[in-house]
Amino acid sequence: VTYDTFTLDSSMSSLSMSVSFAFYQTETSTVKNAFTN
Protein backbone atom coordinates (compact mmCIF):
# COMPACT_ATOMS: atom_id res chain seq x y z
CA VAL A 1 0.00 0.00 0.00
CA THR A 2 1.46 3.34 -1.02
CA TYR A 3 -1.31 5.77 -0.09
CA ASP A 4 -1.74 6.32 3.64
CA THR A 5 -3.33 9.48 5.04
CA PHE A 6 -3.59 11.89 7.95
CA THR A 7 -6.62 14.16 8.32
CA LEU A 8 -5.65 17.26 10.27
CA ASP A 9 -8.12 18.87 12.67
CA SER A 10 -9.99 22.14 12.14
CA SER A 11 -7.13 24.20 13.61
CA MET A 12 -5.15 23.05 10.56
CA SER A 13 -7.90 23.53 7.96
CA SER A 14 -8.95 19.85 8.12
CA LEU A 15 -6.48 19.06 5.35
CA SER A 16 -5.93 15.51 4.16
CA MET A 17 -2.20 14.79 3.99
CA SER A 18 -0.52 11.88 2.23
CA VAL A 19 1.77 9.81 4.46
CA SER A 20 4.73 7.72 3.33
CA PHE A 21 7.68 5.98 4.93
CA ALA A 22 11.43 5.67 4.49
CA PHE A 23 12.86 2.28 5.38
CA TYR A 24 15.98 0.29 4.63
CA GLN A 25 16.24 -3.45 5.10
CA THR A 26 18.04 -3.15 8.45
CA GLU A 27 15.17 -1.19 10.01
CA THR A 28 12.06 -2.59 11.62
CA SER A 29 8.77 -1.89 9.89
CA THR A 30 6.20 -1.69 12.68
CA VAL A 31 3.84 1.26 12.90
CA LYS A 32 5.23 2.30 16.30
CA ASN A 33 8.85 2.27 15.18
CA ALA A 34 8.11 4.06 11.92
CA PHE A 35 6.53 7.00 13.71
CA THR A 36 8.51 7.20 16.95
CA ASN A 37 11.83 6.89 15.08
PDB file of all heavy atoms in Angstrom:
ATOM      1  N   VAL A   1       0.850  -1.189   0.000  1.00  0.00           N
ATOM      2  CA  VAL A   1       0.000   0.000   0.000  1.00  0.00           C
ATOM      3  C   VAL A   1       0.885   1.237   0.000  1.00  0.00           C
ATOM      4  O   VAL A   1       1.818   1.348   0.783  1.00  0.00           O
ATOM      5  CB  VAL A   1      -0.932   0.017   1.240  1.00  0.00           C
ATOM      6  CG1 VAL A   1      -1.724   1.319   1.294  1.00  0.00           C
ATOM      7  CG2 VAL A   1      -1.870  -1.169   1.190  1.00  0.00           C
ATOM      8  N   THR A   2       0.595   2.158  -0.897  1.00  0.00           N
ATOM      9  CA  THR A   2       1.457   3.337  -1.021  1.00  0.00           C
ATOM     10  C   THR A   2       0.702   4.638  -0.767  1.00  0.00           C
ATOM     11  O   THR A   2       1.242   5.709  -0.985  1.00  0.00           O
ATOM     12  CB  THR A   2       2.082   3.398  -2.425  1.00  0.00           C
ATOM     13  OG1 THR A   2       1.033   3.444  -3.396  1.00  0.00           O
ATOM     14  CG2 THR A   2       2.967   2.201  -2.666  1.00  0.00           C
ATOM     15  N   TYR A   3      -0.557   4.550  -0.333  1.00  0.00           N
ATOM     16  CA  TYR A   3      -1.306   5.772  -0.090  1.00  0.00           C
ATOM     17  C   TYR A   3      -1.948   5.714   1.280  1.00  0.00           C
ATOM     18  O   TYR A   3      -3.057   5.213   1.452  1.00  0.00           O
ATOM     19  CB  TYR A   3      -2.376   5.983  -1.169  1.00  0.00           C
ATOM     20  CG  TYR A   3      -3.053   7.332  -1.078  1.00  0.00           C
ATOM     21  CD1 TYR A   3      -2.377   8.489  -1.441  1.00  0.00           C
ATOM     22  CD2 TYR A   3      -4.356   7.445  -0.616  1.00  0.00           C
ATOM     23  CE1 TYR A   3      -2.983   9.728  -1.357  1.00  0.00           C
ATOM     24  CE2 TYR A   3      -4.974   8.676  -0.528  1.00  0.00           C
ATOM     25  CZ  TYR A   3      -4.280   9.814  -0.900  1.00  0.00           C
ATOM     26  OH  TYR A   3      -4.882  11.052  -0.809  1.00  0.00           O
ATOM     27  N   ASP A   4      -1.229   6.183   2.293  1.00  0.00           N
ATOM     28  CA  ASP A   4      -1.741   6.321   3.638  1.00  0.00           C
ATOM     29  C   ASP A   4      -2.046   7.793   3.877  1.00  0.00           C
ATOM     30  O   ASP A   4      -1.501   8.671   3.196  1.00  0.00           O
ATOM     31  CB  ASP A   4      -0.715   5.827   4.652  1.00  0.00           C
ATOM     32  CG  ASP A   4      -0.355   4.358   4.442  1.00  0.00           C
ATOM     33  OD1 ASP A   4      -1.278   3.546   4.333  1.00  0.00           O
ATOM     34  OD2 ASP A   4       0.840   4.045   4.363  1.00  0.00           O
ATOM     35  N   THR A   5      -2.909   8.094   4.853  1.00  0.00           N
ATOM     36  CA  THR A   5      -3.331   9.485   5.043  1.00  0.00           C
ATOM     37  C   THR A   5      -3.434   9.886   6.510  1.00  0.00           C
ATOM     38  O   THR A   5      -3.691   9.061   7.383  1.00  0.00           O
ATOM     39  CB  THR A   5      -4.701   9.739   4.386  1.00  0.00           C
ATOM     40  OG1 THR A   5      -5.683   8.866   4.967  1.00  0.00           O
ATOM     41  CG2 THR A   5      -4.645   9.517   2.882  1.00  0.00           C
ATOM     42  N   PHE A   6      -3.222  11.189   6.732  1.00  0.00           N
ATOM     43  CA  PHE A   6      -3.593  11.887   7.952  1.00  0.00           C
ATOM     44  C   PHE A   6      -4.700  12.869   7.583  1.00  0.00           C
ATOM     45  O   PHE A   6      -4.631  13.504   6.521  1.00  0.00           O
ATOM     46  CB  PHE A   6      -2.442  12.740   8.502  1.00  0.00           C
ATOM     47  CG  PHE A   6      -1.327  12.000   9.159  1.00  0.00           C
ATOM     48  CD1 PHE A   6      -0.087  12.624   9.310  1.00  0.00           C
ATOM     49  CD2 PHE A   6      -1.489  10.723   9.658  1.00  0.00           C
ATOM     50  CE1 PHE A   6       0.966  11.978   9.926  1.00  0.00           C
ATOM     51  CE2 PHE A   6      -0.431  10.066  10.282  1.00  0.00           C
ATOM     52  CZ  PHE A   6       0.797  10.699  10.415  1.00  0.00           C
ATOM     53  N   THR A   7      -5.679  13.054   8.447  1.00  0.00           N
ATOM     54  CA  THR A   7      -6.620  14.163   8.320  1.00  0.00           C
ATOM     55  C   THR A   7      -6.385  15.090   9.497  1.00  0.00           C
ATOM     56  O   THR A   7      -6.571  14.684  10.658  1.00  0.00           O
ATOM     57  CB  THR A   7      -8.086  13.679   8.318  1.00  0.00           C
ATOM     58  OG1 THR A   7      -8.281  12.773   7.228  1.00  0.00           O
ATOM     59  CG2 THR A   7      -9.020  14.868   8.155  1.00  0.00           C
ATOM     60  N   LEU A   8      -5.934  16.297   9.213  1.00  0.00           N
ATOM     61  CA  LEU A   8      -5.653  17.258  10.273  1.00  0.00           C
ATOM     62  C   LEU A   8      -6.957  17.811  10.835  1.00  0.00           C
ATOM     63  O   LEU A   8      -8.005  17.776  10.182  1.00  0.00           O
ATOM     64  CB  LEU A   8      -4.794  18.399   9.722  1.00  0.00           C
ATOM     65  CG  LEU A   8      -3.466  17.977   9.072  1.00  0.00           C
ATOM     66  CD1 LEU A   8      -2.717  19.205   8.553  1.00  0.00           C
ATOM     67  CD2 LEU A   8      -2.594  17.205  10.043  1.00  0.00           C
ATOM     68  N   ASP A   9      -6.899  18.348  12.056  1.00  0.00           N
ATOM     69  CA  ASP A   9      -8.122  18.870  12.673  1.00  0.00           C
ATOM     70  C   ASP A   9      -8.438  20.273  12.158  1.00  0.00           C
ATOM     71  O   ASP A   9      -7.728  20.825  11.309  1.00  0.00           O
ATOM     72  CB  ASP A   9      -8.019  18.829  14.200  1.00  0.00           C
ATOM     73  CG  ASP A   9      -6.978  19.783  14.773  1.00  0.00           C
ATOM     74  OD1 ASP A   9      -6.472  20.669  14.038  1.00  0.00           O
ATOM     75  OD2 ASP A   9      -6.661  19.641  15.971  1.00  0.00           O
ATOM     76  N   SER A  10      -9.510  20.860  12.659  1.00  0.00           N
ATOM     77  CA  SER A  10      -9.990  22.143  12.141  1.00  0.00           C
ATOM     78  C   SER A  10      -9.008  23.286  12.378  1.00  0.00           C
ATOM     79  O   SER A  10      -9.017  24.278  11.647  1.00  0.00           O
ATOM     80  CB  SER A  10     -11.347  22.484  12.756  1.00  0.00           C
ATOM     81  OG  SER A  10     -11.258  22.549  14.174  1.00  0.00           O
ATOM     82  N   SER A  11      -8.135  23.155  13.379  1.00  0.00           N
ATOM     83  CA  SER A  11      -7.134  24.204  13.614  1.00  0.00           C
ATOM     84  C   SER A  11      -6.099  24.234  12.496  1.00  0.00           C
ATOM     85  O   SER A  11      -5.359  25.204  12.352  1.00  0.00           O
ATOM     86  CB  SER A  11      -6.435  23.998  14.962  1.00  0.00           C
ATOM     87  OG  SER A  11      -5.574  22.866  14.929  1.00  0.00           O
ATOM     88  N   MET A  12      -6.053  23.158  11.687  1.00  0.00           N
ATOM     89  CA  MET A  12      -5.147  23.055  10.556  1.00  0.00           C
ATOM     90  C   MET A  12      -5.930  22.820   9.263  1.00  0.00           C
ATOM     91  O   MET A  12      -5.519  22.072   8.376  1.00  0.00           O
ATOM     92  CB  MET A  12      -4.133  21.940  10.793  1.00  0.00           C
ATOM     93  CG  MET A  12      -3.214  22.197  11.969  1.00  0.00           C
ATOM     94  SD  MET A  12      -1.923  20.941  12.101  1.00  0.00           S
ATOM     95  CE  MET A  12      -0.994  21.566  13.507  1.00  0.00           C
ATOM     96  N   SER A  13      -7.082  23.488   9.182  1.00  0.00           N
ATOM     97  CA  SER A  13      -7.900  23.529   7.964  1.00  0.00           C
ATOM     98  C   SER A  13      -8.448  22.178   7.533  1.00  0.00           C
ATOM     99  O   SER A  13      -8.910  22.024   6.401  1.00  0.00           O
ATOM    100  CB  SER A  13      -7.106  24.144   6.804  1.00  0.00           C
ATOM    101  OG  SER A  13      -6.748  25.473   7.093  1.00  0.00           O
ATOM    102  N   SER A  14      -8.398  21.183   8.421  1.00  0.00           N
ATOM    103  CA  SER A  14      -8.946  19.853   8.124  1.00  0.00           C
ATOM    104  C   SER A  14      -8.382  19.253   6.849  1.00  0.00           C
ATOM    105  O   SER A  14      -9.065  18.506   6.126  1.00  0.00           O
ATOM    106  CB  SER A  14     -10.487  19.921   8.025  1.00  0.00           C
ATOM    107  OG  SER A  14     -11.052  20.407   9.227  1.00  0.00           O
ATOM    108  N   LEU A  15      -7.117  19.553   6.568  1.00  0.00           N
ATOM    109  CA  LEU A  15      -6.482  19.058   5.349  1.00  0.00           C
ATOM    110  C   LEU A  15      -6.231  17.555   5.421  1.00  0.00           C
ATOM    111  O   LEU A  15      -5.942  17.007   6.481  1.00  0.00           O
ATOM    112  CB  LEU A  15      -5.135  19.755   5.119  1.00  0.00           C
ATOM    113  CG  LEU A  15      -5.155  21.196   4.634  1.00  0.00           C
ATOM    114  CD1 LEU A  15      -3.723  21.695   4.474  1.00  0.00           C
ATOM    115  CD2 LEU A  15      -5.905  21.333   3.319  1.00  0.00           C
ATOM    116  N   SER A  16      -6.317  16.917   4.276  1.00  0.00           N
ATOM    117  CA  SER A  16      -5.928  15.512   4.155  1.00  0.00           C
ATOM    118  C   SER A  16      -4.510  15.471   3.605  1.00  0.00           C
ATOM    119  O   SER A  16      -4.232  16.004   2.532  1.00  0.00           O
ATOM    120  CB  SER A  16      -6.879  14.771   3.217  1.00  0.00           C
ATOM    121  OG  SER A  16      -6.497  13.412   3.088  1.00  0.00           O
ATOM    122  N   MET A  17      -3.614  14.851   4.353  1.00  0.00           N
ATOM    123  CA  MET A  17      -2.204  14.787   3.993  1.00  0.00           C
ATOM    124  C   MET A  17      -1.826  13.351   3.642  1.00  0.00           C
ATOM    125  O   MET A  17      -2.224  12.411   4.324  1.00  0.00           O
ATOM    126  CB  MET A  17      -1.327  15.251   5.160  1.00  0.00           C
ATOM    127  CG  MET A  17      -1.696  16.613   5.735  1.00  0.00           C
ATOM    128  SD  MET A  17      -1.241  17.989   4.666  1.00  0.00           S
ATOM    129  CE  MET A  17       0.529  18.046   4.918  1.00  0.00           C
ATOM    130  N   SER A  18      -1.057  13.203   2.562  1.00  0.00           N
ATOM    131  CA  SER A  18      -0.522  11.881   2.232  1.00  0.00           C
ATOM    132  C   SER A  18       0.603  11.544   3.201  1.00  0.00           C
ATOM    133  O   SER A  18       1.364  12.422   3.618  1.00  0.00           O
ATOM    134  CB  SER A  18       0.026  11.871   0.802  1.00  0.00           C
ATOM    135  OG  SER A  18      -1.000  12.131  -0.129  1.00  0.00           O
ATOM    136  N   VAL A  19       0.716  10.275   3.556  1.00  0.00           N
ATOM    137  CA  VAL A  19       1.766   9.814   4.463  1.00  0.00           C
ATOM    138  C   VAL A  19       2.560   8.721   3.767  1.00  0.00           C
ATOM    139  O   VAL A  19       1.995   7.851   3.101  1.00  0.00           O
ATOM    140  CB  VAL A  19       1.167   9.259   5.771  1.00  0.00           C
ATOM    141  CG1 VAL A  19       2.271   8.773   6.709  1.00  0.00           C
ATOM    142  CG2 VAL A  19       0.317  10.315   6.461  1.00  0.00           C
ATOM    143  N   SER A  20       3.877   8.774   3.882  1.00  0.00           N
ATOM    144  CA  SER A  20       4.728   7.722   3.335  1.00  0.00           C
ATOM    145  C   SER A  20       5.878   7.465   4.291  1.00  0.00           C
ATOM    146  O   SER A  20       6.054   8.183   5.277  1.00  0.00           O
ATOM    147  CB  SER A  20       5.237   8.094   1.933  1.00  0.00           C
ATOM    148  OG  SER A  20       5.885   9.355   1.955  1.00  0.00           O
ATOM    149  N   PHE A  21       6.673   6.435   3.984  1.00  0.00           N
ATOM    150  CA  PHE A  21       7.684   5.975   4.925  1.00  0.00           C
ATOM    151  C   PHE A  21       9.019   5.754   4.232  1.00  0.00           C
ATOM    152  O   PHE A  21       9.079   5.472   3.044  1.00  0.00           O
ATOM    153  CB  PHE A  21       7.228   4.674   5.604  1.00  0.00           C
ATOM    154  CG  PHE A  21       5.929   4.818   6.302  1.00  0.00           C
ATOM    155  CD1 PHE A  21       4.746   4.501   5.642  1.00  0.00           C
ATOM    156  CD2 PHE A  21       5.868   5.302   7.587  1.00  0.00           C
ATOM    157  CE1 PHE A  21       3.521   4.647   6.271  1.00  0.00           C
ATOM    158  CE2 PHE A  21       4.647   5.452   8.231  1.00  0.00           C
ATOM    159  CZ  PHE A  21       3.471   5.132   7.568  1.00  0.00           C
ATOM    160  N   ALA A  22      10.082   5.874   5.010  1.00  0.00           N
ATOM    161  CA  ALA A  22      11.431   5.672   4.491  1.00  0.00           C
ATOM    162  C   ALA A  22      12.089   4.566   5.302  1.00  0.00           C
ATOM    163  O   ALA A  22      12.439   4.769   6.458  1.00  0.00           O
ATOM    164  CB  ALA A  22      12.246   6.963   4.603  1.00  0.00           C
ATOM    165  N   PHE A  23      12.255   3.409   4.685  1.00  0.00           N
ATOM    166  CA  PHE A  23      12.860   2.282   5.379  1.00  0.00           C
ATOM    167  C   PHE A  23      13.968   1.654   4.556  1.00  0.00           C
ATOM    168  O   PHE A  23      13.891   1.608   3.335  1.00  0.00           O
ATOM    169  CB  PHE A  23      11.815   1.200   5.669  1.00  0.00           C
ATOM    170  CG  PHE A  23      10.909   1.519   6.795  1.00  0.00           C
ATOM    171  CD1 PHE A  23       9.658   2.046   6.552  1.00  0.00           C
ATOM    172  CD2 PHE A  23      11.305   1.309   8.100  1.00  0.00           C
ATOM    173  CE1 PHE A  23       8.810   2.351   7.589  1.00  0.00           C
ATOM    174  CE2 PHE A  23      10.468   1.605   9.140  1.00  0.00           C
ATOM    175  CZ  PHE A  23       9.209   2.130   8.890  1.00  0.00           C
ATOM    176  N   TYR A  24      14.975   1.144   5.248  1.00  0.00           N
ATOM    177  CA  TYR A  24      15.977   0.291   4.633  1.00  0.00           C
ATOM    178  C   TYR A  24      15.849  -1.089   5.265  1.00  0.00           C
ATOM    179  O   TYR A  24      15.187  -1.253   6.287  1.00  0.00           O
ATOM    180  CB  TYR A  24      17.386   0.868   4.838  1.00  0.00           C
ATOM    181  CG  TYR A  24      17.766   1.913   3.822  1.00  0.00           C
ATOM    182  CD1 TYR A  24      16.865   2.898   3.432  1.00  0.00           C
ATOM    183  CD2 TYR A  24      19.017   1.911   3.251  1.00  0.00           C
ATOM    184  CE1 TYR A  24      17.205   3.854   2.508  1.00  0.00           C
ATOM    185  CE2 TYR A  24      19.379   2.874   2.321  1.00  0.00           C
ATOM    186  CZ  TYR A  24      18.464   3.849   1.957  1.00  0.00           C
ATOM    187  OH  TYR A  24      18.807   4.803   1.029  1.00  0.00           O
ATOM    188  N   GLN A  25      16.469  -2.077   4.680  1.00  0.00           N
ATOM    189  CA  GLN A  25      16.235  -3.449   5.104  1.00  0.00           C
ATOM    190  C   GLN A  25      16.684  -3.731   6.533  1.00  0.00           C
ATOM    191  O   GLN A  25      16.207  -4.691   7.150  1.00  0.00           O
ATOM    192  CB  GLN A  25      16.948  -4.409   4.150  1.00  0.00           C
ATOM    193  CG  GLN A  25      18.466  -4.248   4.121  1.00  0.00           C
ATOM    194  CD  GLN A  25      19.071  -5.016   2.962  1.00  0.00           C
ATOM    195  OE1 GLN A  25      18.577  -4.949   1.859  1.00  0.00           O
ATOM    196  NE2 GLN A  25      20.134  -5.741   3.232  1.00  0.00           N
ATOM    197  N   THR A  26      17.568  -2.909   7.093  1.00  0.00           N
ATOM    198  CA  THR A  26      18.038  -3.154   8.453  1.00  0.00           C
ATOM    199  C   THR A  26      17.116  -2.543   9.494  1.00  0.00           C
ATOM    200  O   THR A  26      17.354  -2.686  10.688  1.00  0.00           O
ATOM    201  CB  THR A  26      19.447  -2.572   8.643  1.00  0.00           C
ATOM    202  OG1 THR A  26      19.412  -1.174   8.324  1.00  0.00           O
ATOM    203  CG2 THR A  26      20.440  -3.275   7.742  1.00  0.00           C
ATOM    204  N   GLU A  27      16.062  -1.844   9.055  1.00  0.00           N
ATOM    205  CA  GLU A  27      15.168  -1.194  10.007  1.00  0.00           C
ATOM    206  C   GLU A  27      13.858  -1.948  10.165  1.00  0.00           C
ATOM    207  O   GLU A  27      13.339  -2.522   9.219  1.00  0.00           O
ATOM    208  CB  GLU A  27      14.895   0.248   9.583  1.00  0.00           C
ATOM    209  CG  GLU A  27      16.006   1.189  10.023  1.00  0.00           C
ATOM    210  CD  GLU A  27      16.424   2.102   8.884  1.00  0.00           C
ATOM    211  OE1 GLU A  27      15.670   2.261   7.932  1.00  0.00           O
ATOM    212  OE2 GLU A  27      17.528   2.634   8.973  1.00  0.00           O
ATOM    213  N   THR A  28      13.335  -1.929  11.364  1.00  0.00           N
ATOM    214  CA  THR A  28      12.059  -2.587  11.618  1.00  0.00           C
ATOM    215  C   THR A  28      10.928  -1.814  10.953  1.00  0.00           C
ATOM    216  O   THR A  28      11.032  -0.628  10.703  1.00  0.00           O
ATOM    217  CB  THR A  28      11.813  -2.704  13.122  1.00  0.00           C
ATOM    218  OG1 THR A  28      10.603  -3.410  13.342  1.00  0.00           O
ATOM    219  CG2 THR A  28      11.727  -1.337  13.782  1.00  0.00           C
ATOM    220  N   SER A  29       9.834  -2.502  10.679  1.00  0.00           N
ATOM    221  CA  SER A  29       8.771  -1.892   9.892  1.00  0.00           C
ATOM    222  C   SER A  29       7.435  -1.829  10.632  1.00  0.00           C
ATOM    223  O   SER A  29       6.386  -1.805  10.020  1.00  0.00           O
ATOM    224  CB  SER A  29       8.584  -2.674   8.588  1.00  0.00           C
ATOM    225  OG  SER A  29       8.329  -4.047   8.862  1.00  0.00           O
ATOM    226  N   THR A  30       7.461  -1.816  11.955  1.00  0.00           N
ATOM    227  CA  THR A  30       6.199  -1.695  12.683  1.00  0.00           C
ATOM    228  C   THR A  30       5.725  -0.243  12.659  1.00  0.00           C
ATOM    229  O   THR A  30       6.503   0.692  12.481  1.00  0.00           O
ATOM    230  CB  THR A  30       6.353  -2.137  14.142  1.00  0.00           C
ATOM    231  OG1 THR A  30       7.217  -1.227  14.831  1.00  0.00           O
ATOM    232  CG2 THR A  30       6.894  -3.554  14.246  1.00  0.00           C
ATOM    233  N   VAL A  31       4.428  -0.083  12.873  1.00  0.00           N
ATOM    234  CA  VAL A  31       3.843   1.257  12.903  1.00  0.00           C
ATOM    235  C   VAL A  31       4.512   2.101  13.983  1.00  0.00           C
ATOM    236  O   VAL A  31       4.917   3.250  13.745  1.00  0.00           O
ATOM    237  CB  VAL A  31       2.319   1.164  13.152  1.00  0.00           C
ATOM    238  CG1 VAL A  31       1.725   2.553  13.383  1.00  0.00           C
ATOM    239  CG2 VAL A  31       1.638   0.469  11.990  1.00  0.00           C
ATOM    240  N   LYS A  32       4.641   1.552  15.175  1.00  0.00           N
ATOM    241  CA  LYS A  32       5.232   2.296  16.301  1.00  0.00           C
ATOM    242  C   LYS A  32       6.641   2.765  15.974  1.00  0.00           C
ATOM    243  O   LYS A  32       6.976   3.941  16.181  1.00  0.00           O
ATOM    244  CB  LYS A  32       5.243   1.422  17.552  1.00  0.00           C
ATOM    245  CG  LYS A  32       5.899   2.076  18.756  1.00  0.00           C
ATOM    246  CD  LYS A  32       5.758   1.218  20.001  1.00  0.00           C
ATOM    247  CE  LYS A  32       6.546  -0.072  19.896  1.00  0.00           C
ATOM    248  NZ  LYS A  32       6.447  -0.887  21.135  1.00  0.00           N
ATOM    249  N   ASN A  33       7.471   1.883  15.459  1.00  0.00           N
ATOM    250  CA  ASN A  33       8.850   2.267  15.180  1.00  0.00           C
ATOM    251  C   ASN A  33       8.949   3.260  14.025  1.00  0.00           C
ATOM    252  O   ASN A  33       9.805   4.140  14.033  1.00  0.00           O
ATOM    253  CB  ASN A  33       9.695   1.032  14.893  1.00  0.00           C
ATOM    254  CG  ASN A  33       9.999   0.245  16.149  1.00  0.00           C
ATOM    255  OD1 ASN A  33       9.868   0.751  17.256  1.00  0.00           O
ATOM    256  ND2 ASN A  33      10.387  -1.010  15.984  1.00  0.00           N
ATOM    257  N   ALA A  34       8.086   3.120  13.040  1.00  0.00           N
ATOM    258  CA  ALA A  34       8.109   4.059  11.922  1.00  0.00           C
ATOM    259  C   ALA A  34       7.857   5.488  12.389  1.00  0.00           C
ATOM    260  O   ALA A  34       8.537   6.429  11.967  1.00  0.00           O
ATOM    261  CB  ALA A  34       7.060   3.669  10.886  1.00  0.00           C
ATOM    262  N   PHE A  35       6.891   5.651  13.280  1.00  0.00           N
ATOM    263  CA  PHE A  35       6.531   7.002  13.710  1.00  0.00           C
ATOM    264  C   PHE A  35       7.392   7.524  14.845  1.00  0.00           C
ATOM    265  O   PHE A  35       7.788   8.692  14.847  1.00  0.00           O
ATOM    266  CB  PHE A  35       5.043   7.051  14.076  1.00  0.00           C
ATOM    267  CG  PHE A  35       4.147   7.047  12.875  1.00  0.00           C
ATOM    268  CD1 PHE A  35       3.451   5.912  12.509  1.00  0.00           C
ATOM    269  CD2 PHE A  35       4.018   8.178  12.085  1.00  0.00           C
ATOM    270  CE1 PHE A  35       2.635   5.894  11.392  1.00  0.00           C
ATOM    271  CE2 PHE A  35       3.213   8.186  10.958  1.00  0.00           C
ATOM    272  CZ  PHE A  35       2.517   7.045  10.610  1.00  0.00           C
ATOM    273  N   THR A  36       7.725   6.693  15.824  1.00  0.00           N
ATOM    274  CA  THR A  36       8.513   7.200  16.949  1.00  0.00           C
ATOM    275  C   THR A  36       9.975   7.416  16.572  1.00  0.00           C
ATOM    276  O   THR A  36      10.664   8.228  17.196  1.00  0.00           O
ATOM    277  CB  THR A  36       8.426   6.250  18.158  1.00  0.00           C
ATOM    278  OG1 THR A  36       8.906   4.954  17.783  1.00  0.00           O
ATOM    279  CG2 THR A  36       6.994   6.150  18.653  1.00  0.00           C
ATOM    280  N   ASN A  37      10.446   6.728  15.522  1.00  0.00           N
ATOM    281  CA  ASN A  37      11.833   6.894  15.084  1.00  0.00           C
ATOM    282  C   ASN A  37      11.972   7.809  13.860  1.00  0.00           C
ATOM    283  O   ASN A  37      13.021   7.862  13.227  1.00  0.00           O
ATOM    284  CB  ASN A  37      12.456   5.538  14.779  1.00  0.00           C
ATOM    285  CG  ASN A  37      12.631   4.696  16.025  1.00  0.00           C
ATOM    286  OD1 ASN A  37      12.907   5.205  17.107  1.00  0.00           O
ATOM    287  ND2 ASN A  37      12.439   3.383  15.891  1.00  0.00           N
TER     288      ASN A  37
END
